[in-house]
C-alpha atoms as a PDB file:
ATOM      1  CA  MET A   1      -8.571  -3.798 163.918  1.00  0.00           C
ATOM      2  CA  ALA A   2      -5.318  -2.959 162.362  1.00  0.00           C
ATOM      3  CA  LEU A   3      -4.638  -3.521 158.691  1.00  0.00           C
ATOM      4  CA  ASN A   4      -1.749  -5.481 157.564  1.00  0.00           C
ATOM      5  CA  THR A   5       0.521  -3.584 155.060  1.00  0.00           C
ATOM      6  CA  ILE A   6       2.950  -4.823 152.295  1.00  0.00           C
ATOM      7  CA  GLY A   7       6.273  -3.157 152.123  1.00  0.00           C
ATOM      8  CA  PRO A   8       7.906  -0.411 154.188  1.00  0.00           C
ATOM      9  CA  ASP A   9       5.999   2.052 156.363  1.00  0.00           C
ATOM     10  CA  CYS A  10       5.790   5.168 153.887  1.00  0.00           C
ATOM     11  CA  SER A  11       5.698   7.511 156.899  1.00  0.00           C
ATOM     12  CA  GLN A  12       9.294   6.453 157.784  1.00  0.00           C
ATOM     13  CA  LEU A  13      10.830   7.194 154.347  1.00  0.00           C
ATOM     14  CA  THR A  14      13.369   9.817 153.991  1.00  0.00           C
ATOM     15  CA  ARG A  15      13.065  12.285 151.071  1.00  0.00           C
ATOM     16  CA  ARG A  16      15.909  10.619 149.150  1.00  0.00           C
ATOM     17  CA  GLN A  17      13.870   7.020 149.621  1.00  0.00           C
ATOM     18  CA  TRP A  18      10.707   8.798 148.347  1.00  0.00           C
ATOM     19  CA  GLU A  19      12.726   9.856 145.127  1.00  0.00           C
ATOM     20  CA  HIS A  20      13.968   6.474 144.479  1.00  0.00           C
ATOM     21  CA  ALA A  21      10.480   4.901 145.176  1.00  0.00           C
ATOM     22  CA  VAL A  22       8.882   7.300 142.735  1.00  0.00           C
ATOM     23  CA  ALA A  23      11.650   6.774 140.148  1.00  0.00           C
ATOM     24  CA  TRP A  24      10.933   2.948 140.244  1.00  0.00           C
ATOM     25  CA  LEU A  25       7.212   3.498 139.856  1.00  0.00           C
ATOM     26  CA  LEU A  26       7.679   5.822 136.820  1.00  0.00           C
ATOM     27  CA  LEU A  27      10.306   3.431 135.201  1.00  0.00           C
ATOM     28  CA  PRO A  28       7.743   1.469 132.935  1.00  0.00           C
ATOM     29  CA  THR A  29       6.099   4.614 131.827  1.00  0.00           C
ATOM     30  CA  THR A  30       9.460   6.099 130.807  1.00  0.00           C
ATOM     31  CA  PHE A  31      10.215   2.955 128.709  1.00  0.00           C
ATOM     32  CA  LEU A  32       6.804   3.019 127.054  1.00  0.00           C
ATOM     33  CA  ILE A  33       7.093   6.798 126.157  1.00  0.00           C
ATOM     34  CA  ALA A  34      10.655   6.071 124.819  1.00  0.00           C
ATOM     35  CA  ALA A  35       9.394   3.194 122.740  1.00  0.00           C
ATOM     36  CA  LEU A  36       6.532   5.222 121.232  1.00  0.00           C
ATOM     37  CA  SER A  37       8.999   7.950 120.461  1.00  0.00           C
ATOM     38  CA  LEU A  38      11.071   5.576 118.359  1.00  0.00           C
ATOM     39  CA  ALA A  39       8.098   3.805 116.630  1.00  0.00           C
ATOM     40  CA  VAL A  40       6.023   6.878 115.559  1.00  0.00           C
ATOM     41  CA  PRO A  41       8.803   8.761 113.743  1.00  0.00           C
ATOM     42  CA  SER A  42       9.674   5.419 111.925  1.00  0.00           C
ATOM     43  CA  LYS A  43       6.049   5.100 110.810  1.00  0.00           C
ATOM     44  CA  ILE A  44       5.938   8.597 109.731  1.00  0.00           C
ATOM     45  CA  VAL A  45       9.131   8.371 107.619  1.00  0.00           C
ATOM     46  CA  ALA A  46       7.830   5.260 106.028  1.00  0.00           C
ATOM     47  CA  GLN A  47       4.407   7.138 105.147  1.00  0.00           C
ATOM     48  CA  ASP A  48       6.393  10.081 103.721  1.00  0.00           C
ATOM     49  CA  LYS A  49       8.713   7.922 101.725  1.00  0.00           C
ATOM     50  CA  THR A  50       5.648   5.975 100.265  1.00  0.00           C
ATOM     51  CA  ALA A  51       3.745   9.390  99.417  1.00  0.00           C
ATOM     52  CA  ALA A  52       7.059  10.650  97.794  1.00  0.00           C
ATOM     53  CA  THR A  53       7.370   7.579  95.629  1.00  0.00           C
ATOM     54  CA  ASP A  54       3.719   7.828  94.638  1.00  0.00           C
ATOM     55  CA  ALA A  55       4.199  11.507  93.710  1.00  0.00           C
ATOM     56  CA  ALA A  56       7.315  10.703  91.730  1.00  0.00           C
ATOM     57  CA  ASP A  57       5.294   8.176  89.634  1.00  0.00           C
ATOM     58  CA  TRP A  58       3.085  10.783  88.204  1.00  0.00           C
ATOM     59  CA  ILE A  59       4.297  12.673  85.008  1.00  0.00           C
ATOM     60  CA  SER A  60       2.628  15.928  83.718  1.00  0.00           C
ATOM     61  CA  LEU A  61       1.455  15.780  80.115  1.00  0.00           C
ATOM     62  CA  PHE A  62       0.914  19.465  79.902  1.00  0.00           C
ATOM     63  CA  ASP A  63       3.127  22.101  81.043  1.00  0.00           C
ATOM     64  CA  GLY A  64       0.433  24.859  80.953  1.00  0.00           C
ATOM     65  CA  LYS A  65       2.447  27.099  78.513  1.00  0.00           C
ATOM     66  CA  THR A  66       3.136  25.090  75.261  1.00  0.00           C
ATOM     67  CA  PHE A  67       1.984  22.257  73.187  1.00  0.00           C
ATOM     68  CA  ALA A  68       5.154  20.352  73.707  1.00  0.00           C
ATOM     69  CA  GLY A  69       4.344  16.513  73.570  1.00  0.00           C
ATOM     70  CA  TRP A  70       1.098  17.216  71.621  1.00  0.00           C
ATOM     71  CA  GLU A  71       0.018  17.486  68.085  1.00  0.00           C
ATOM     72  CA  GLY A  72      -3.351  18.633  66.407  1.00  0.00           C
ATOM     73  CA  ASN A  73      -5.042  21.416  64.644  1.00  0.00           C
ATOM     74  CA  LEU A  74      -3.775  24.644  66.509  1.00  0.00           C
ATOM     75  CA  ASN A  75      -6.368  26.627  64.520  1.00  0.00           C
ATOM     76  CA  VAL A  76      -9.040  25.071  66.882  1.00  0.00           C
ATOM     77  CA  PHE A  77      -6.894  24.369  70.073  1.00  0.00           C
ATOM     78  CA  ARG A  78      -5.163  27.112  71.990  1.00  0.00           C
ATOM     79  CA  ILE A  79      -3.598  27.701  75.379  1.00  0.00           C
ATOM     80  CA  GLU A  80      -5.326  30.235  77.832  1.00  0.00           C
ATOM     81  CA  ASN A  81      -4.790  30.686  81.433  1.00  0.00           C
ATOM     82  CA  GLY A  82      -2.743  27.483  81.930  1.00  0.00           C
ATOM     83  CA  ALA A  83      -5.316  25.184  80.166  1.00  0.00           C
ATOM     84  CA  ILE A  84      -5.834  23.614  76.707  1.00  0.00           C
ATOM     85  CA  VAL A  85      -8.971  25.095  75.134  1.00  0.00           C
ATOM     86  CA  GLY A  86     -10.687  23.655  72.159  1.00  0.00           C
ATOM     87  CA  GLY A  87     -13.392  25.330  70.003  1.00  0.00           C
ATOM     88  CA  SER A  88     -14.725  29.064  70.172  1.00  0.00           C
ATOM     89  CA  LEU A  89     -17.660  30.853  71.659  1.00  0.00           C
ATOM     90  CA  ASP A  90     -17.661  33.084  68.585  1.00  0.00           C
ATOM     91  CA  LYS A  91     -18.410  30.629  66.010  1.00  0.00           C
ATOM     92  CA  ALA A  92     -19.750  26.985  65.376  1.00  0.00           C
ATOM     93  CA  VAL A  93     -17.154  24.115  65.715  1.00  0.00           C
ATOM     94  CA  ALA A  94     -17.092  22.768  62.299  1.00  0.00           C
ATOM     95  CA  ARG A  95     -16.187  19.121  63.035  1.00  0.00           C
ATOM     96  CA  ASN A  96     -14.708  16.853  65.800  1.00  0.00           C
ATOM     97  CA  GLU A  97     -11.164  17.878  66.622  1.00  0.00           C
ATOM     98  CA  PHE A  98      -8.541  16.113  68.668  1.00  0.00           C
ATOM     99  CA  LEU A  99      -5.349  17.145  70.352  1.00  0.00           C
ATOM    100  CA  CYS A 100      -3.274  14.020  70.750  1.00  0.00           C
ATOM    101  CA  THR A 101      -0.109  13.053  72.798  1.00  0.00           C
ATOM    102  CA  ASP A 102       3.049  12.077  70.765  1.00  0.00           C
ATOM    103  CA  LYS A 103       3.444   9.305  73.132  1.00  0.00           C
ATOM    104  CA  ARG A 104       1.378   6.044  73.367  1.00  0.00           C
ATOM    105  CA  PHE A 105       0.339   4.381  76.786  1.00  0.00           C
ATOM    106  CA  GLN A 106      -0.880   0.928  77.671  1.00  0.00           C
ATOM    107  CA  ASN A 107      -1.502   0.487  81.344  1.00  0.00           C
ATOM    108  CA  PHE A 108      -1.949   3.721  83.348  1.00  0.00           C
ATOM    109  CA  GLU A 109      -3.801   5.976  85.529  1.00  0.00           C
ATOM    110  CA  LEU A 110      -4.745   9.374  84.049  1.00  0.00           C
ATOM    111  CA  GLN A 111      -6.138  12.386  85.978  1.00  0.00           C
ATOM    112  CA  LEU A 112      -7.164  15.889  84.853  1.00  0.00           C
ATOM    113  CA  LYS A 113      -9.482  18.741  85.298  1.00  0.00           C
ATOM    114  CA  CYS A 114     -12.106  19.578  82.536  1.00  0.00           C
ATOM    115  CA  LYS A 115     -14.933  21.862  81.809  1.00  0.00           C
ATOM    116  CA  LEU A 116     -17.495  22.775  79.117  1.00  0.00           C
ATOM    117  CA  VAL A 117     -18.514  26.218  78.186  1.00  0.00           C
ATOM    118  CA  GLY A 118     -21.601  27.074  75.912  1.00  0.00           C
ATOM    119  CA  ALA A 119     -24.861  25.667  75.466  1.00  0.00           C
ATOM    120  CA  GLY A 120     -24.875  22.223  73.760  1.00  0.00           C
ATOM    121  CA  ALA A 121     -21.261  21.911  74.475  1.00  0.00           C
ATOM    122  CA  ASN A 122     -19.803  18.235  73.971  1.00  0.00           C
ATOM    123  CA  ALA A 123     -16.277  16.805  74.277  1.00  0.00           C
ATOM    124  CA  GLY A 124     -14.430  13.863  75.601  1.00  0.00           C
ATOM    125  CA  ILE A 125     -10.987  12.423  76.811  1.00  0.00           C
ATOM    126  CA  GLN A 126      -9.657   9.802  74.413  1.00  0.00           C
ATOM    127  CA  PHE A 127      -7.329   6.948  75.629  1.00  0.00           C
ATOM    128  CA  ARG A 128      -5.865   3.812  73.960  1.00  0.00           C
ATOM    129  CA  THR A 129      -6.686   5.759  70.771  1.00  0.00           C
ATOM    130  CA  LYS A 130      -5.048   6.145  67.343  1.00  0.00           C
ATOM    131  CA  ARG A 131      -5.349   8.562  64.599  1.00  0.00           C
ATOM    132  CA  ILE A 132      -7.343   7.516  61.544  1.00  0.00           C
ATOM    133  CA  PRO A 133      -4.948   7.991  58.477  1.00  0.00           C
ATOM    134  CA  ASN A 134      -5.714  11.169  56.438  1.00  0.00           C
ATOM    135  CA  HIS A 135      -8.532  11.985  58.482  1.00  0.00           C
ATOM    136  CA  HIS A 136      -9.377  14.564  61.366  1.00  0.00           C
ATOM    137  CA  GLU A 137     -11.096  11.750  63.319  1.00  0.00           C
ATOM    138  CA  VAL A 138      -9.585   9.305  65.847  1.00  0.00           C
ATOM    139  CA  SER A 139     -10.575   5.736  66.932  1.00  0.00           C
ATOM    140  CA  GLY A 140     -10.468   4.495  70.534  1.00  0.00           C
ATOM    141  CA  TYR A 141     -12.030   4.758  74.051  1.00  0.00           C
ATOM    142  CA  GLN A 142     -13.530   8.011  75.152  1.00  0.00           C
ATOM    143  CA  ALA A 143     -14.253   9.229  78.653  1.00  0.00           C
ATOM    144  CA  ASP A 144     -17.412  11.208  77.537  1.00  0.00           C
ATOM    145  CA  MET A 145     -18.383  14.890  78.482  1.00  0.00           C
ATOM    146  CA  GLY A 146     -21.622  16.597  77.861  1.00  0.00           C
ATOM    147  CA  GLU A 147     -25.139  16.855  79.213  1.00  0.00           C
ATOM    148  CA  GLY A 148     -26.381  13.330  79.344  1.00  0.00           C
ATOM    149  CA  TRP A 149     -22.977  11.982  78.567  1.00  0.00           C
ATOM    150  CA  TRP A 150     -20.715  12.918  81.547  1.00  0.00           C
ATOM    151  CA  GLY A 151     -19.183   9.665  83.095  1.00  0.00           C
ATOM    152  CA  LYS A 152     -19.931   7.365  80.214  1.00  0.00           C
ATOM    153  CA  LEU A 153     -17.461   5.202  78.214  1.00  0.00           C
ATOM    154  CA  TYR A 154     -17.942   5.662  74.543  1.00  0.00           C
ATOM    155  CA  ASP A 155     -16.131   3.944  71.679  1.00  0.00           C
ATOM    156  CA  GLU A 156     -15.223   6.796  69.197  1.00  0.00           C
ATOM    157  CA  SER A 157     -15.267   5.947  65.316  1.00  0.00           C
ATOM    158  CA  ARG A 158     -14.950   2.192  66.047  1.00  0.00           C
ATOM    159  CA  ARG A 159     -18.045   0.560  67.582  1.00  0.00           C
ATOM    160  CA  ASN A 160     -19.683   4.173  67.785  1.00  0.00           C
ATOM    161  CA  LYS A 161     -21.702   3.369  70.902  1.00  0.00           C
ATOM    162  CA  VAL A 162     -21.725   3.710  74.714  1.00  0.00           C
ATOM    163  CA  LEU A 163     -19.816   0.698  76.044  1.00  0.00           C
ATOM    164  CA  ALA A 164     -20.573   1.278  79.844  1.00  0.00           C
ATOM    165  CA  GLN A 165     -22.202   3.661  82.152  1.00  0.00           C
ATOM    166  CA  GLN A 166     -23.196   4.042  85.673  1.00  0.00           C
ATOM    167  CA  ALA A 167     -25.734   1.441  86.822  1.00  0.00           C
ATOM    168  CA  ALA A 168     -29.397   2.468  87.013  1.00  0.00           C
ATOM    169  CA  GLY A 169     -30.351   3.495  90.471  1.00  0.00           C
ATOM    170  CA  GLN A 170     -27.086   4.637  91.708  1.00  0.00           C
ATOM    171  CA  THR A 171     -26.533   8.229  92.666  1.00  0.00           C
ATOM    172  CA  PRO A 172     -25.031  10.128  89.721  1.00  0.00           C
ATOM    173  CA  PRO A 173     -21.847  12.146  90.328  1.00  0.00           C
ATOM    174  CA  PRO A 174     -22.134  15.889  90.694  1.00  0.00           C
ATOM    175  CA  VAL A 175     -21.343  17.750  87.497  1.00  0.00           C
ATOM    176  CA  HIS A 176     -20.194  21.421  87.753  1.00  0.00           C
ATOM    177  CA  ALA A 177     -21.667  23.417  84.855  1.00  0.00           C
ATOM    178  CA  ASP A 178     -19.071  25.854  83.476  1.00  0.00           C
ATOM    179  CA  GLN A 179     -16.599  24.918  86.266  1.00  0.00           C
ATOM    180  CA  TRP A 180     -13.761  22.399  86.616  1.00  0.00           C
ATOM    181  CA  ASN A 181     -14.707  18.722  86.986  1.00  0.00           C
ATOM    182  CA  ASP A 182     -12.311  15.937  87.938  1.00  0.00           C
ATOM    183  CA  TYR A 183     -11.943  12.963  85.642  1.00  0.00           C
ATOM    184  CA  ARG A 184      -9.914   9.959  86.559  1.00  0.00           C
ATOM    185  CA  ILE A 185      -9.200   7.018  84.047  1.00  0.00           C
ATOM    186  CA  ARG A 186      -7.539   3.585  84.929  1.00  0.00           C
ATOM    187  CA  CYS A 187      -6.584   1.060  82.367  1.00  0.00           C
ATOM    188  CA  GLU A 188      -5.078  -2.260  83.281  1.00  0.00           C
ATOM    189  CA  GLY A 189      -5.183  -5.066  80.806  1.00  0.00           C
ATOM    190  CA  ASP A 190      -8.702  -5.444  79.823  1.00  0.00           C
ATOM    191  CA  HIS A 191      -9.974  -3.440  82.853  1.00  0.00           C
ATOM    192  CA  ILE A 192     -11.156  -0.008  82.295  1.00  0.00           C
ATOM    193  CA  GLN A 193     -12.568   2.329  85.252  1.00  0.00           C
ATOM    194  CA  LEU A 194     -13.727   5.852  85.112  1.00  0.00           C
ATOM    195  CA  TRP A 195     -14.258   8.223  88.170  1.00  0.00           C
ATOM    196  CA  LEU A 196     -16.109  11.652  87.848  1.00  0.00           C
ATOM    197  CA  ASN A 197     -15.652  14.177  90.603  1.00  0.00           C
ATOM    198  CA  GLY A 198     -14.643  11.087  92.809  1.00  0.00           C
ATOM    199  CA  VAL A 199     -17.623   8.790  91.852  1.00  0.00           C
ATOM    200  CA  LEU A 200     -17.022   5.529  90.074  1.00  0.00           C
ATOM    201  CA  THR A 201     -19.192   5.599  86.937  1.00  0.00           C
ATOM    202  CA  VAL A 202     -17.661   2.824  84.908  1.00  0.00           C
ATOM    203  CA  ASP A 203     -16.207  -0.575  85.802  1.00  0.00           C
ATOM    204  CA  TYR A 204     -15.765  -2.338  82.414  1.00  0.00           C
ATOM    205  CA  ARG A 205     -14.051  -5.400  81.150  1.00  0.00           C
ATOM    206  CA  GLU A 206     -13.254  -5.481  77.391  1.00  0.00           C
ATOM    207  CA  GLN A 207     -14.348  -8.918  75.887  1.00  0.00           C
ATOM    208  CA  ASP A 208     -12.910  -8.264  72.434  1.00  0.00           C
ATOM    209  CA  ALA A 209      -9.345  -9.499  72.321  1.00  0.00           C
ATOM    210  CA  ASP A 210      -8.728  -7.702  69.111  1.00  0.00           C
ATOM    211  CA  ILE A 211      -9.274  -4.277  70.704  1.00  0.00           C
ATOM    212  CA  GLU A 212      -5.865  -2.671  71.011  1.00  0.00           C
ATOM    213  CA  ARG A 213      -4.731  -2.241  74.509  1.00  0.00           C
ATOM    214  CA  ASP A 214      -2.479   0.824  74.076  1.00  0.00           C
ATOM    215  CA  GLY A 215      -2.538   4.116  72.096  1.00  0.00           C
ATOM    216  CA  VAL A 216      -2.405   7.907  72.447  1.00  0.00           C
ATOM    217  CA  ILE A 217      -4.271  10.205  74.991  1.00  0.00           C
ATOM    218  CA  ALA A 218      -6.299  12.897  73.219  1.00  0.00           C
ATOM    219  CA  VAL A 219      -8.654  15.844  74.260  1.00  0.00           C
ATOM    220  CA  GLN A 220     -11.709  16.681  72.072  1.00  0.00           C
ATOM    221  CA  ILE A 221     -13.944  19.260  71.037  1.00  0.00           C
ATOM    222  CA  HIS A 222     -17.081  18.001  69.419  1.00  0.00           C
ATOM    223  CA  GLY A 223     -18.459  19.685  66.228  1.00  0.00           C
ATOM    224  CA  GLY A 224     -21.513  21.546  66.883  1.00  0.00           C
ATOM    225  CA  PRO A 225     -22.635  25.085  68.239  1.00  0.00           C
ATOM    226  CA  PRO A 226     -20.256  27.673  69.531  1.00  0.00           C
ATOM    227  CA  SER A 227     -18.665  26.033  72.621  1.00  0.00           C
ATOM    228  CA  GLU A 228     -15.409  25.338  74.326  1.00  0.00           C
ATOM    229  CA  ALA A 229     -13.665  22.500  76.188  1.00  0.00           C
ATOM    230  CA  TRP A 230     -11.112  23.297  78.657  1.00  0.00           C
ATOM    231  CA  TYR A 231      -8.468  20.863  80.054  1.00  0.00           C
ATOM    232  CA  THR A 232      -5.807  21.349  82.711  1.00  0.00           C
ATOM    233  CA  ASP A 233      -3.735  19.560  85.261  1.00  0.00           C
ATOM    234  CA  ILE A 234      -3.260  16.620  82.983  1.00  0.00           C
ATOM    235  CA  LYS A 235      -1.020  13.910  84.512  1.00  0.00           C
ATOM    236  CA  ILE A 236      -0.424  10.202  84.125  1.00  0.00           C
ATOM    237  CA  ARG A 237       1.083   7.337  86.140  1.00  0.00           C
ATOM    238  CA  GLU A 238       2.076   4.225  84.202  1.00  0.00           C
ATOM    239  CA  LEU A 239       1.351   0.861  85.672  1.00  0.00           C
ATOM    240  CA  ASN A 240       3.548  -2.346  85.586  1.00  0.00           C
END
């Protein structure tokens, strides 16, 4: 039994008719490719603009060469290999010392690399902090550093206690002894968050309305045995 066919008998088509038929069949695909070629670059351009804007928001607080924008005891702090170094491996650290920014910050995200060298080394990154008049100490929040202290939020010279830390049972962040570690600090209103090497360790809400919501950034070397605290790639992004 013969099958009914729809359309012309393809065996009777000339070469030119074949070319026209194929062109009509490919037309929807051509339009689709054209549409995608227009849409994809637009998306990439938008992503590139967003990334460029985000990058422009970050400000370096340390140029790797000078203490411009910072103040502190330069008998204790020095610059070595593009990093701020507090303390010494040759002698004990007599007391807590802090190198502070000249500028105050309120709502921000801070990122930096840090490491401790020496047995018993201890230090921290201060934020929303102020100098205590006529004293070497400061008062304010600290992202703590040191064995048993990494990733904790401490209140330096104010309430003098750990305010928050990673919840029990959670996997602690990896800490690289004598190597660089990444600290990220975010403050927005009463909300404070800390990340150590990409792991959220603190998610804290300040309940005391009298606690100041702005202050300087500072890096510390804690008084104690011969030791060093290193800091580099310090950058900040202010939040609206």
